[in-house]
Structure formats: structure tokens, C-alpha cells
Amino acid sequence: MTRLFAGTPFDRPPHCERCDKLEAECVCPPVPQASQLLPPEKQTARLSLEKRKKGKLVTVIRGLAPQSNDLQGLLTQAKNHCGAGGTLAEDGVEIQGDQIAKLQALLSKIGYRVR
């Protein structure tokens, strides 16, 4: 006899969406709830310009704690605002090119103190 959902996603036990391990084996840190996030007014974002390989410029946003911020959401907003690519790095959010003026305006508009 064949099961109704055999071979479909409904047939497998629940898995973590981030690491794809079984939920019982998952070691991912919990996703911060909106109540655990610090408001932007209480944080200072530090902008800096760095030079990478082959002379490429990268604007870096530092000083924001990953546990108390939605850095992925901030990255998406920054990339859309600047019209450039970017990534989350271990020490902050990186946006391609010299985008300090644009990011300073965006972060101030959101409510962050900018240095």
C-alpha cells in the first residue's frame, strides 16, 4: 500500500529552513523577535570606505550588533537604495563602491546615528 504523501515534502520530518537539518539536531541560533531588536535611535552606525583587491572600493557599515538588528533587511534596503551589490560580512554590511553619502542619508532616514 502506498502512502498518500510518500515522496513529497509533507512526508519528511520537519527540518530547519536555514541549515536543513532535522529540527531536533538543529544548532542555529534563534531568530530574534521584533521585541528583542534594538530601536535604531539607540544605535550608532559607523561608515567606512575600504579598498579591496585590484583597487575596488567597498563601503562598510559597522557598529550594529547582529543579535539585535535585522542586518539582512538592512542589507536589502541599502542595496536597493544605492543600486549596488553587497553582502553581509563578519564585521558588518558591505556595499560595493563609494556609497558613503547615499548610505548616510538612508541610515539617518531610518533613525540610526551615523558616524
PDB file of N, CA and C in Angstrom:
ATOM      1  N   MET A   1       0.843  -1.178   0.000  1.00  0.00           N
ATOM      2  CA  MET A   1       0.000   0.000   0.000  1.00  0.00           C
ATOM      3  C   MET A   1       0.891   1.245   0.000  1.00  0.00           C
ATOM      4  N   THR A   2       0.577   2.193  -0.813  1.00  0.00           N
ATOM      5  CA  THR A   2       1.342   3.427  -0.924  1.00  0.00           C
ATOM      6  C   THR A   2       0.737   4.497  -0.027  1.00  0.00           C
ATOM      7  N   ARG A   3       1.627   5.248   0.614  1.00  0.00           N
ATOM      8  CA  ARG A   3       1.145   6.341   1.453  1.00  0.00           C
ATOM      9  C   ARG A   3       0.719   7.507   0.574  1.00  0.00           C
ATOM     10  N   LEU A   4      -0.201   8.305   1.093  1.00  0.00           N
ATOM     11  CA  LEU A   4      -0.766   9.410   0.321  1.00  0.00           C
ATOM     12  C   LEU A   4       0.291  10.455  -0.030  1.00  0.00           C
ATOM     13  N   PHE A   5       1.172  10.812   0.916  1.00  0.00           N
ATOM     14  CA  PHE A   5       2.147  11.869   0.679  1.00  0.00           C
ATOM     15  C   PHE A   5       3.560  11.334   0.497  1.00  0.00           C
ATOM     16  N   ALA A   6       3.727  10.072   0.161  1.00  0.00           N
ATOM     17  CA  ALA A   6       5.046   9.476   0.017  1.00  0.00           C
ATOM     18  C   ALA A   6       5.840  10.209  -1.057  1.00  0.00           C
ATOM     19  N   GLY A   7       7.058  10.626  -0.688  1.00  0.00           N
ATOM     20  CA  GLY A   7       7.925  11.291  -1.652  1.00  0.00           C
ATOM     21  C   GLY A   7       7.682  12.784  -1.793  1.00  0.00           C
ATOM     22  N   THR A   8       6.795  13.348  -1.032  1.00  0.00           N
ATOM     23  CA  THR A   8       6.543  14.787  -1.090  1.00  0.00           C
ATOM     24  C   THR A   8       7.149  15.452   0.140  1.00  0.00           C
ATOM     25  N   PRO A   9       7.231  16.778   0.158  1.00  0.00           N
ATOM     26  CA  PRO A   9       7.768  17.452   1.343  1.00  0.00           C
ATOM     27  C   PRO A   9       6.958  17.176   2.606  1.00  0.00           C
ATOM     28  N   PHE A  10       5.705  16.806   2.466  1.00  0.00           N
ATOM     29  CA  PHE A  10       4.871  16.532   3.631  1.00  0.00           C
ATOM     30  C   PHE A  10       5.209  15.176   4.257  1.00  0.00           C
ATOM     31  N   ASP A  11       5.964  14.335   3.546  1.00  0.00           N
ATOM     32  CA  ASP A  11       6.333  13.016   4.031  1.00  0.00           C
ATOM     33  C   ASP A  11       7.547  13.079   4.951  1.00  0.00           C
ATOM     34  N   ARG A  12       8.401  14.098   4.822  1.00  0.00           N
ATOM     35  CA  ARG A  12       9.603  14.156   5.633  1.00  0.00           C
ATOM     36  C   ARG A  12       9.341  14.822   6.982  1.00  0.00           C
ATOM     37  N   PRO A  13      10.142  14.453   7.982  1.00  0.00           N
ATOM     38  CA  PRO A  13      10.005  15.113   9.287  1.00  0.00           C
ATOM     39  C   PRO A  13      10.429  16.580   9.162  1.00  0.00           C
ATOM     40  N   PRO A  14      10.015  17.422  10.114  1.00  0.00           N
ATOM     41  CA  PRO A  14      10.325  18.850   9.995  1.00  0.00           C
ATOM     42  C   PRO A  14      11.824  19.131  10.039  1.00  0.00           C
ATOM     43  N   HIS A  15      12.284  20.011   9.140  1.00  0.00           N
ATOM     44  CA  HIS A  15      13.685  20.398   9.032  1.00  0.00           C
ATOM     45  C   HIS A  15      13.818  21.905   9.247  1.00  0.00           C
ATOM     46  N   CYS A  16      15.000  22.308   9.681  1.00  0.00           N
ATOM     47  CA  CYS A  16      15.317  23.728   9.834  1.00  0.00           C
ATOM     48  C   CYS A  16      15.420  24.357   8.447  1.00  0.00           C
ATOM     49  N   GLU A  17      14.865  25.553   8.275  1.00  0.00           N
ATOM     50  CA  GLU A  17      14.905  26.219   6.976  1.00  0.00           C
ATOM     51  C   GLU A  17      16.289  26.782   6.662  1.00  0.00           C
ATOM     52  N   ARG A  18      17.098  27.060   7.695  1.00  0.00           N
ATOM     53  CA  ARG A  18      18.410  27.660   7.466  1.00  0.00           C
ATOM     54  C   ARG A  18      19.498  26.626   7.213  1.00  0.00           C
ATOM     55  N   CYS A  19      19.560  25.559   8.015  1.00  0.00           N
ATOM     56  CA  CYS A  19      20.652  24.589   7.860  1.00  0.00           C
ATOM     57  C   CYS A  19      20.183  23.257   7.260  1.00  0.00           C
ATOM     58  N   ASP A  20      18.895  23.067   7.111  1.00  0.00           N
ATOM     59  CA  ASP A  20      18.278  21.870   6.521  1.00  0.00           C
ATOM     60  C   ASP A  20      18.544  20.596   7.320  1.00  0.00           C
ATOM     61  N   LYS A  21      18.870  20.730   8.616  1.00  0.00           N
ATOM     62  CA  LYS A  21      18.990  19.563   9.491  1.00  0.00           C
ATOM     63  C   LYS A  21      17.632  19.315  10.145  1.00  0.00           C
ATOM     64  N   LEU A  22      17.482  18.128  10.737  1.00  0.00           N
ATOM     65  CA  LEU A  22      16.263  17.868  11.488  1.00  0.00           C
ATOM     66  C   LEU A  22      16.132  18.894  12.604  1.00  0.00           C
ATOM     67  N   GLU A  23      14.915  19.280  12.944  1.00  0.00           N
ATOM     68  CA  GLU A  23      14.720  20.300  13.966  1.00  0.00           C
ATOM     69  C   GLU A  23      15.320  19.877  15.307  1.00  0.00           C
ATOM     70  N   ALA A  24      15.315  18.581  15.601  1.00  0.00           N
ATOM     71  CA  ALA A  24      15.896  18.100  16.851  1.00  0.00           C
ATOM     72  C   ALA A  24      17.419  18.236  16.850  1.00  0.00           C
ATOM     73  N   GLU A  25      18.060  18.221  15.676  1.00  0.00           N
ATOM     74  CA  GLU A  25      19.507  18.292  15.562  1.00  0.00           C
ATOM     75  C   GLU A  25      20.013  19.695  15.248  1.00  0.00           C
ATOM     76  N   CYS A  26      19.131  20.619  14.965  1.00  0.00           N
ATOM     77  CA  CYS A  26      19.499  21.963  14.541  1.00  0.00           C
ATOM     78  C   CYS A  26      20.193  22.724  15.672  1.00  0.00           C
ATOM     79  N   VAL A  27      21.281  23.429  15.337  1.00  0.00           N
ATOM     80  CA  VAL A  27      22.004  24.230  16.316  1.00  0.00           C
ATOM     81  C   VAL A  27      22.014  25.718  15.924  1.00  0.00           C
ATOM     82  N   CYS A  28      21.164  26.110  14.992  1.00  0.00           N
ATOM     83  CA  CYS A  28      21.085  27.507  14.564  1.00  0.00           C
ATOM     84  C   CYS A  28      20.603  28.380  15.719  1.00  0.00           C
ATOM     85  N   PRO A  29      21.152  29.603  15.835  1.00  0.00           N
ATOM     86  CA  PRO A  29      20.651  30.499  16.887  1.00  0.00           C
ATOM     87  C   PRO A  29      19.219  30.913  16.568  1.00  0.00           C
ATOM     88  N   PRO A  30      18.422  31.162  17.580  1.00  0.00           N
ATOM     89  CA  PRO A  30      17.038  31.536  17.328  1.00  0.00           C
ATOM     90  C   PRO A  30      16.957  32.873  16.594  1.00  0.00           C
ATOM     91  N   VAL A  31      15.946  33.009  15.771  1.00  0.00           N
ATOM     92  CA  VAL A  31      15.712  34.252  15.037  1.00  0.00           C
ATOM     93  C   VAL A  31      15.209  35.298  16.026  1.00  0.00           C
ATOM     94  N   PRO A  32      15.817  36.488  16.050  1.00  0.00           N
ATOM     95  CA  PRO A  32      15.375  37.491  17.020  1.00  0.00           C
ATOM     96  C   PRO A  32      13.952  37.953  16.715  1.00  0.00           C
ATOM     97  N   GLN A  33      13.172  38.065  17.757  1.00  0.00           N
ATOM     98  CA  GLN A  33      11.812  38.562  17.620  1.00  0.00           C
ATOM     99  C   GLN A  33      11.856  40.081  17.529  1.00  0.00           C
ATOM    100  N   ALA A  34      10.809  40.677  17.029  1.00  0.00           N
ATOM    101  CA  ALA A  34      10.760  42.127  16.877  1.00  0.00           C
ATOM    102  C   ALA A  34      10.937  42.825  18.223  1.00  0.00           C
ATOM    103  N   SER A  35      10.489  42.200  19.310  1.00  0.00           N
ATOM    104  CA  SER A  35      10.611  42.808  20.630  1.00  0.00           C
ATOM    105  C   SER A  35      12.058  42.777  21.132  1.00  0.00           C
ATOM    106  N   GLN A  36      12.909  41.891  20.594  1.00  0.00           N
ATOM    107  CA  GLN A  36      14.295  41.786  21.015  1.00  0.00           C
ATOM    108  C   GLN A  36      15.206  42.733  20.248  1.00  0.00           C
ATOM    109  N   LEU A  37      14.707  43.326  19.171  1.00  0.00           N
ATOM    110  CA  LEU A  37      15.521  44.211  18.359  1.00  0.00           C
ATOM    111  C   LEU A  37      15.644  45.581  19.016  1.00  0.00           C
ATOM    112  N   LEU A  38      16.840  46.138  18.966  1.00  0.00           N
ATOM    113  CA  LEU A  38      17.053  47.480  19.494  1.00  0.00           C
ATOM    114  C   LEU A  38      16.526  48.500  18.493  1.00  0.00           C
ATOM    115  N   PRO A  39      15.883  49.563  18.958  1.00  0.00           N
ATOM    116  CA  PRO A  39      15.433  50.591  18.014  1.00  0.00           C
ATOM    117  C   PRO A  39      16.643  51.308  17.410  1.00  0.00           C
ATOM    118  N   PRO A  40      16.541  51.742  16.166  1.00  0.00           N
ATOM    119  CA  PRO A  40      17.669  52.403  15.508  1.00  0.00           C
ATOM    120  C   PRO A  40      18.160  53.652  16.240  1.00  0.00           C
ATOM    121  N   GLU A  41      17.273  54.343  16.941  1.00  0.00           N
ATOM    122  CA  GLU A  41      17.659  55.580  17.623  1.00  0.00           C
ATOM    123  C   GLU A  41      18.702  55.338  18.713  1.00  0.00           C
ATOM    124  N   LYS A  42      18.793  54.123  19.226  1.00  0.00           N
ATOM    125  CA  LYS A  42      19.720  53.805  20.308  1.00  0.00           C
ATOM    126  C   LYS A  42      21.038  53.213  19.802  1.00  0.00           C
ATOM    127  N   GLN A  43      21.274  53.258  18.487  1.00  0.00           N
ATOM    128  CA  GLN A  43      22.460  52.645  17.913  1.00  0.00           C
ATOM    129  C   GLN A  43      23.207  53.633  17.033  1.00  0.00           C
ATOM    130  N   THR A  44      24.508  53.434  16.926  1.00  0.00           N
ATOM    131  CA  THR A  44      25.333  54.264  16.064  1.00  0.00           C
ATOM    132  C   THR A  44      25.961  53.380  14.994  1.00  0.00           C
ATOM    133  N   ALA A  45      25.718  53.730  13.749  1.00  0.00           N
ATOM    134  CA  ALA A  45      26.314  53.020  12.621  1.00  0.00           C
ATOM    135  C   ALA A  45      27.569  53.768  12.197  1.00  0.00           C
ATOM    136  N   ARG A  46      28.640  53.043  11.999  1.00  0.00           N
ATOM    137  CA  ARG A  46      29.903  53.644  11.569  1.00  0.00           C
ATOM    138  C   ARG A  46      30.160  53.267  10.120  1.00  0.00           C
ATOM    139  N   LEU A  47      30.312  54.278   9.284  1.00  0.00           N
ATOM    140  CA  LEU A  47      30.568  54.059   7.862  1.00  0.00           C
ATOM    141  C   LEU A  47      32.055  54.232   7.576  1.00  0.00           C
ATOM    142  N   SER A  48      32.583  53.355   6.756  1.00  0.00           N
ATOM    143  CA  SER A  48      33.980  53.492   6.345  1.00  0.00           C
ATOM    144  C   SER A  48      34.122  53.013   4.906  1.00  0.00           C
ATOM    145  N   LEU A  49      35.156  53.509   4.265  1.00  0.00           N
ATOM    146  CA  LEU A  49      35.454  53.142   2.886  1.00  0.00           C
ATOM    147  C   LEU A  49      36.740  52.325   2.891  1.00  0.00           C
ATOM    148  N   GLU A  50      36.700  51.146   2.275  1.00  0.00           N
ATOM    149  CA  GLU A  50      37.877  50.279   2.238  1.00  0.00           C
ATOM    150  C   GLU A  50      38.215  49.933   0.801  1.00  0.00           C
ATOM    151  N   LYS A  51      39.486  49.672   0.574  1.00  0.00           N
ATOM    152  CA  LYS A  51      39.950  49.286  -0.744  1.00  0.00           C
ATOM    153  C   LYS A  51      40.204  47.787  -0.747  1.00  0.00           C
ATOM    154  N   ARG A  52      39.650  47.089  -1.711  1.00  0.00           N
ATOM    155  CA  ARG A  52      39.827  45.643  -1.841  1.00  0.00           C
ATOM    156  C   ARG A  52      40.835  45.325  -2.936  1.00  0.00           C
ATOM    157  N   LYS A  53      40.900  44.058  -3.299  1.00  0.00           N
ATOM    158  CA  LYS A  53      41.798  43.620  -4.358  1.00  0.00           C
ATOM    159  C   LYS A  53      41.530  44.404  -5.641  1.00  0.00           C
ATOM    160  N   LYS A  54      42.581  44.620  -6.383  1.00  0.00           N
ATOM    161  CA  LYS A  54      42.509  45.276  -7.685  1.00  0.00           C
ATOM    162  C   LYS A  54      41.925  46.682  -7.608  1.00  0.00           C
ATOM    163  N   GLY A  55      42.023  47.326  -6.442  1.00  0.00           N
ATOM    164  CA  GLY A  55      41.601  48.710  -6.307  1.00  0.00           C
ATOM    165  C   GLY A  55      40.109  48.946  -6.169  1.00  0.00           C
ATOM    166  N   LYS A  56      39.322  47.906  -5.954  1.00  0.00           N
ATOM    167  CA  LYS A  56      37.869  48.057  -5.806  1.00  0.00           C
ATOM    168  C   LYS A  56      37.544  48.701  -4.460  1.00  0.00           C
ATOM    169  N   LEU A  57      36.583  49.627  -4.458  1.00  0.00           N
ATOM    170  CA  LEU A  57      36.154  50.284  -3.231  1.00  0.00           C
ATOM    171  C   LEU A  57      34.903  49.621  -2.679  1.00  0.00           C
ATOM    172  N   VAL A  58      34.831  49.524  -1.350  1.00  0.00           N
ATOM    173  CA  VAL A  58      33.684  48.933  -0.664  1.00  0.00           C
ATOM    174  C   VAL A  58      33.329  49.837   0.511  1.00  0.00           C
ATOM    175  N   THR A  59      32.047  50.148   0.668  1.00  0.00           N
ATOM    176  CA  THR A  59      31.579  50.908   1.816  1.00  0.00           C
ATOM    177  C   THR A  59      31.083  49.917   2.859  1.00  0.00           C
ATOM    178  N   VAL A  60      31.561  50.060   4.108  1.00  0.00           N
ATOM    179  CA  VAL A  60      31.248  49.109   5.167  1.00  0.00           C
ATOM    180  C   VAL A  60      30.462  49.816   6.270  1.00  0.00           C
ATOM    181  N   ILE A  61      29.358  49.186   6.706  1.00  0.00           N
ATOM    182  CA  ILE A  61      28.579  49.668   7.848  1.00  0.00           C
ATOM    183  C   ILE A  61      28.935  48.781   9.026  1.00  0.00           C
ATOM    184  N   ARG A  62      29.501  49.379  10.073  1.00  0.00           N
ATOM    185  CA  ARG A  62      29.897  48.631  11.267  1.00  0.00           C
ATOM    186  C   ARG A  62      29.207  49.212  12.489  1.00  0.00           C
ATOM    187  N   GLY A  63      29.338  48.525  13.605  1.00  0.00           N
ATOM    188  CA  GLY A  63      28.835  49.037  14.871  1.00  0.00           C
ATOM    189  C   GLY A  63      27.421  48.605  15.204  1.00  0.00           C
ATOM    190  N   LEU A  64      26.827  47.744  14.393  1.00  0.00           N
ATOM    191  CA  LEU A  64      25.467  47.262  14.649  1.00  0.00           C
ATOM    192  C   LEU A  64      25.541  45.806  15.087  1.00  0.00           C
ATOM    193  N   ALA A  65      24.997  45.514  16.253  1.00  0.00           N
ATOM    194  CA  ALA A  65      25.043  44.154  16.787  1.00  0.00           C
ATOM    195  C   ALA A  65      24.135  43.227  15.973  1.00  0.00           C
ATOM    196  N   PRO A  66      24.650  42.093  15.491  1.00  0.00           N
ATOM    197  CA  PRO A  66      23.833  41.181  14.685  1.00  0.00           C
ATOM    198  C   PRO A  66      22.645  40.597  15.442  1.00  0.00           C
ATOM    199  N   GLN A  67      22.778  40.398  16.774  1.00  0.00           N
ATOM    200  CA  GLN A  67      21.698  39.793  17.548  1.00  0.00           C
ATOM    201  C   GLN A  67      20.511  40.738  17.710  1.00  0.00           C
ATOM    202  N   SER A  68      20.764  42.033  17.708  1.00  0.00           N
ATOM    203  CA  SER A  68      19.686  42.981  17.989  1.00  0.00           C
ATOM    204  C   SER A  68      19.302  43.812  16.768  1.00  0.00           C
ATOM    205  N   ASN A  69      19.660  43.343  15.568  1.00  0.00           N
ATOM    206  CA  ASN A  69      19.313  44.031  14.334  1.00  0.00           C
ATOM    207  C   ASN A  69      18.904  43.028  13.270  1.00  0.00           C
ATOM    208  N   ASP A  70      18.122  43.498  12.325  1.00  0.00           N
ATOM    209  CA  ASP A  70      17.792  42.713  11.146  1.00  0.00           C
ATOM    210  C   ASP A  70      18.773  43.140  10.058  1.00  0.00           C
ATOM    211  N   LEU A  71      19.992  42.594  10.106  1.00  0.00           N
ATOM    212  CA  LEU A  71      21.027  43.008   9.165  1.00  0.00           C
ATOM    213  C   LEU A  71      20.692  42.597   7.734  1.00  0.00           C
ATOM    214  N   GLN A  72      20.011  41.485   7.564  1.00  0.00           N
ATOM    215  CA  GLN A  72      19.629  41.058   6.219  1.00  0.00           C
ATOM    216  C   GLN A  72      18.652  42.069   5.615  1.00  0.00           C
ATOM    217  N   GLY A  73      17.697  42.540   6.399  1.00  0.00           N
ATOM    218  CA  GLY A  73      16.760  43.555   5.922  1.00  0.00           C
ATOM    219  C   GLY A  73      17.456  44.877   5.627  1.00  0.00           C
ATOM    220  N   LEU A  74      18.414  45.254   6.477  1.00  0.00           N
ATOM    221  CA  LEU A  74      19.174  46.480   6.256  1.00  0.00           C
ATOM    222  C   LEU A  74      20.014  46.359   4.989  1.00  0.00           C
ATOM    223  N   LEU A  75      20.607  45.194   4.762  1.00  0.00           N
ATOM    224  CA  LEU A  75      21.394  44.961   3.547  1.00  0.00           C
ATOM    225  C   LEU A  75      20.524  45.133   2.312  1.00  0.00           C
ATOM    226  N   THR A  76      19.336  44.565   2.333  1.00  0.00           N
ATOM    227  CA  THR A  76      18.430  44.672   1.191  1.00  0.00           C
ATOM    228  C   THR A  76      18.053  46.129   0.932  1.00  0.00           C
ATOM    229  N   GLN A  77      17.721  46.863   1.981  1.00  0.00           N
ATOM    230  CA  GLN A  77      17.381  48.277   1.822  1.00  0.00           C
ATOM    231  C   GLN A  77      18.555  49.067   1.259  1.00  0.00           C
ATOM    232  N   ALA A  78      19.757  48.813   1.781  1.00  0.00           N
ATOM    233  CA  ALA A  78      20.943  49.545   1.334  1.00  0.00           C
ATOM    234  C   ALA A  78      21.261  49.244  -0.126  1.00  0.00           C
ATOM    235  N   LYS A  79      21.178  47.988  -0.516  1.00  0.00           N
ATOM    236  CA  LYS A  79      21.455  47.624  -1.906  1.00  0.00           C
ATOM    237  C   LYS A  79      20.454  48.271  -2.850  1.00  0.00           C
ATOM    238  N   ASN A  80      19.181  48.265  -2.479  1.00  0.00           N
ATOM    239  CA  ASN A  80      18.159  48.886  -3.321  1.00  0.00           C
ATOM    240  C   ASN A  80      18.341  50.402  -3.394  1.00  0.00           C
ATOM    241  N   HIS A  81      18.665  51.022  -2.283  1.00  0.00           N
ATOM    242  CA  HIS A  81      18.827  52.471  -2.234  1.00  0.00           C
ATOM    243  C   HIS A  81      20.028  52.930  -3.064  1.00  0.00           C
ATOM    244  N   CYS A  82      21.126  52.161  -2.994  1.00  0.00           N
ATOM    245  CA  CYS A  82      22.352  52.547  -3.691  1.00  0.00           C
ATOM    246  C   CYS A  82      22.411  52.032  -5.120  1.00  0.00           C
ATOM    247  N   GLY A  83      21.605  51.045  -5.431  1.00  0.00           N
ATOM    248  CA  GLY A  83      21.670  50.453  -6.771  1.00  0.00           C
ATOM    249  C   GLY A  83      22.974  49.710  -6.977  1.00  0.00           C
ATOM    250  N   ALA A  84      23.450  49.052  -5.932  1.00  0.00           N
ATOM    251  CA  ALA A  84      24.732  48.346  -5.997  1.00  0.00           C
ATOM    252  C   ALA A  84      24.606  47.007  -5.292  1.00  0.00           C
ATOM    253  N   GLY A  85      25.575  46.156  -5.500  1.00  0.00           N
ATOM    254  CA  GLY A  85      25.605  44.867  -4.834  1.00  0.00           C
ATOM    255  C   GLY A  85      26.170  44.998  -3.435  1.00  0.00           C
ATOM    256  N   GLY A  86      26.032  43.947  -2.667  1.00  0.00           N
ATOM    257  CA  GLY A  86      26.560  43.968  -1.313  1.00  0.00           C
ATOM    258  C   GLY A  86      26.444  42.614  -0.665  1.00  0.00           C
ATOM    259  N   THR A  87      26.982  42.513   0.552  1.00  0.00           N
ATOM    260  CA  THR A  87      26.954  41.254   1.273  1.00  0.00           C
ATOM    261  C   THR A  87      27.047  41.503   2.775  1.00  0.00           C
ATOM    262  N   LEU A  88      26.663  40.488   3.534  1.00  0.00           N
ATOM    263  CA  LEU A  88      26.866  40.514   4.983  1.00  0.00           C
ATOM    264  C   LEU A  88      28.244  39.925   5.257  1.00  0.00           C
ATOM    265  N   ALA A  89      29.068  40.659   5.943  1.00  0.00           N
ATOM    266  CA  ALA A  89      30.394  40.178   6.324  1.00  0.00           C
ATOM    267  C   ALA A  89      30.399  39.966   7.828  1.00  0.00           C
ATOM    268  N   GLU A  90      31.447  39.322   8.323  1.00  0.00           N
ATOM    269  CA  GLU A  90      31.505  39.043   9.753  1.00  0.00           C
ATOM    270  C   GLU A  90      31.626  40.315  10.586  1.00  0.00           C
ATOM    271  N   ASP A  91      32.157  41.389   9.997  1.00  0.00           N
ATOM    272  CA  ASP A  91      32.324  42.623  10.759  1.00  0.00           C
ATOM    273  C   ASP A  91      31.333  43.711  10.367  1.00  0.00           C
ATOM    274  N   GLY A  92      30.390  43.430   9.484  1.00  0.00           N
ATOM    275  CA  GLY A  92      29.390  44.430   9.123  1.00  0.00           C
ATOM    276  C   GLY A  92      28.732  44.144   7.789  1.00  0.00           C
ATOM    277  N   VAL A  93      28.098  45.174   7.267  1.00  0.00           N
ATOM    278  CA  VAL A  93      27.408  45.097   5.984  1.00  0.00           C
ATOM    279  C   VAL A  93      28.284  45.794   4.953  1.00  0.00           C
ATOM    280  N   GLU A  94      28.565  45.131   3.825  1.00  0.00           N
ATOM    281  CA  GLU A  94      29.413  45.696   2.787  1.00  0.00           C
ATOM    282  C   GLU A  94      28.582  46.009   1.547  1.00  0.00           C
ATOM    283  N   ILE A  95      28.765  47.218   1.013  1.00  0.00           N
ATOM    284  CA  ILE A  95      28.105  47.650  -0.216  1.00  0.00           C
ATOM    285  C   ILE A  95      29.194  48.035  -1.206  1.00  0.00           C
ATOM    286  N   GLN A  96      29.049  47.587  -2.444  1.00  0.00           N
ATOM    287  CA  GLN A  96      30.072  47.838  -3.454  1.00  0.00           C
ATOM    288  C   GLN A  96      30.119  49.316  -3.830  1.00  0.00           C
ATOM    289  N   GLY A  97      31.331  49.840  -3.979  1.00  0.00           N
ATOM    290  CA  GLY A  97      31.530  51.204  -4.446  1.00  0.00           C
ATOM    291  C   GLY A  97      31.586  52.215  -3.310  1.00  0.00           C
ATOM    292  N   ASP A  98      31.817  53.467  -3.696  1.00  0.00           N
ATOM    293  CA  ASP A  98      31.869  54.585  -2.750  1.00  0.00           C
ATOM    294  C   ASP A  98      30.440  55.093  -2.562  1.00  0.00           C
ATOM    295  N   GLN A  99      29.747  54.577  -1.556  1.00  0.00           N
ATOM    296  CA  GLN A  99      28.331  54.879  -1.329  1.00  0.00           C
ATOM    297  C   GLN A  99      28.103  55.588   0.007  1.00  0.00           C
ATOM    298  N   ILE A 100      29.126  56.243   0.546  1.00  0.00           N
ATOM    299  CA  ILE A 100      29.010  56.812   1.892  1.00  0.00           C
ATOM    300  C   ILE A 100      27.885  57.836   1.977  1.00  0.00           C
ATOM    301  N   ALA A 101      27.789  58.748   1.025  1.00  0.00           N
ATOM    302  CA  ALA A 101      26.761  59.799   1.086  1.00  0.00           C
ATOM    303  C   ALA A 101      25.353  59.207   1.016  1.00  0.00           C
ATOM    304  N   LYS A 102      25.152  58.253   0.124  1.00  0.00           N
ATOM    305  CA  LYS A 102      23.825  57.628  -0.009  1.00  0.00           C
ATOM    306  C   LYS A 102      23.457  56.843   1.247  1.00  0.00           C
ATOM    307  N   LEU A 103      24.415  56.089   1.780  1.00  0.00           N
ATOM    308  CA  LEU A 103      24.136  55.284   2.975  1.00  0.00           C
ATOM    309  C   LEU A 103      23.927  56.163   4.195  1.00  0.00           C
ATOM    310  N   GLN A 104      24.650  57.275   4.275  1.00  0.00           N
ATOM    311  CA  GLN A 104      24.474  58.191   5.393  1.00  0.00           C
ATOM    312  C   GLN A 104      23.046  58.751   5.386  1.00  0.00           C
ATOM    313  N   ALA A 105      22.545  59.113   4.210  1.00  0.00           N
ATOM    314  CA  ALA A 105      21.180  59.621   4.098  1.00  0.00           C
ATOM    315  C   ALA A 105      20.160  58.541   4.454  1.00  0.00           C
ATOM    316  N   LEU A 106      20.369  57.315   3.964  1.00  0.00           N
ATOM    317  CA  LEU A 106      19.439  56.213   4.236  1.00  0.00           C
ATOM    318  C   LEU A 106      19.401  55.876   5.721  1.00  0.00           C
ATOM    319  N   LEU A 107      20.563  55.726   6.337  1.00  0.00           N
ATOM    320  CA  LEU A 107      20.612  55.354   7.747  1.00  0.00           C
ATOM    321  C   LEU A 107      20.029  56.450   8.635  1.00  0.00           C
ATOM    322  N   SER A 108      20.266  57.704   8.293  1.00  0.00           N
ATOM    323  CA  SER A 108      19.674  58.807   9.051  1.00  0.00           C
ATOM    324  C   SER A 108      18.151  58.809   8.912  1.00  0.00           C
ATOM    325  N   LYS A 109      17.675  58.515   7.723  1.00  0.00           N
ATOM    326  CA  LYS A 109      16.229  58.453   7.469  1.00  0.00           C
ATOM    327  C   LYS A 109      15.595  57.330   8.292  1.00  0.00           C
ATOM    328  N   ILE A 110      16.270  56.191   8.391  1.00  0.00           N
ATOM    329  CA  ILE A 110      15.753  55.060   9.186  1.00  0.00           C
ATOM    330  C   ILE A 110      15.759  55.404  10.671  1.00  0.00           C
ATOM    331  N   GLY A 111      16.739  56.217  11.100  1.00  0.00           N
ATOM    332  CA  GLY A 111      16.783  56.618  12.503  1.00  0.00           C
ATOM    333  C   GLY A 111      18.098  56.329  13.201  1.00  0.00           C
ATOM    334  N   TYR A 112      19.056  55.743  12.517  1.00  0.00           N
ATOM    335  CA  TYR A 112      20.358  55.451  13.114  1.00  0.00           C
ATOM    336  C   TYR A 112      21.175  56.730  13.255  1.00  0.00           C
ATOM    337  N   ARG A 113      21.998  56.796  14.283  1.00  0.00           N
ATOM    338  CA  ARG A 113      23.013  57.843  14.371  1.00  0.00           C
ATOM    339  C   ARG A 113      24.173  57.363  13.489  1.00  0.00           C
ATOM    340  N   VAL A 114      24.725  58.269  12.712  1.00  0.00           N
ATOM    341  CA  VAL A 114      25.761  57.878  11.743  1.00  0.00           C
ATOM    342  C   VAL A 114      27.047  58.627  12.048  1.00  0.00           C
ATOM    343  N   ARG A 115      28.146  57.893  12.015  1.00  0.00           N
ATOM    344  CA  ARG A 115      29.482  58.485  12.155  1.00  0.00           C
ATOM    345  C   ARG A 115      30.346  58.053  11.020  1.00  0.00           C
TER     346      ARG A 115
END
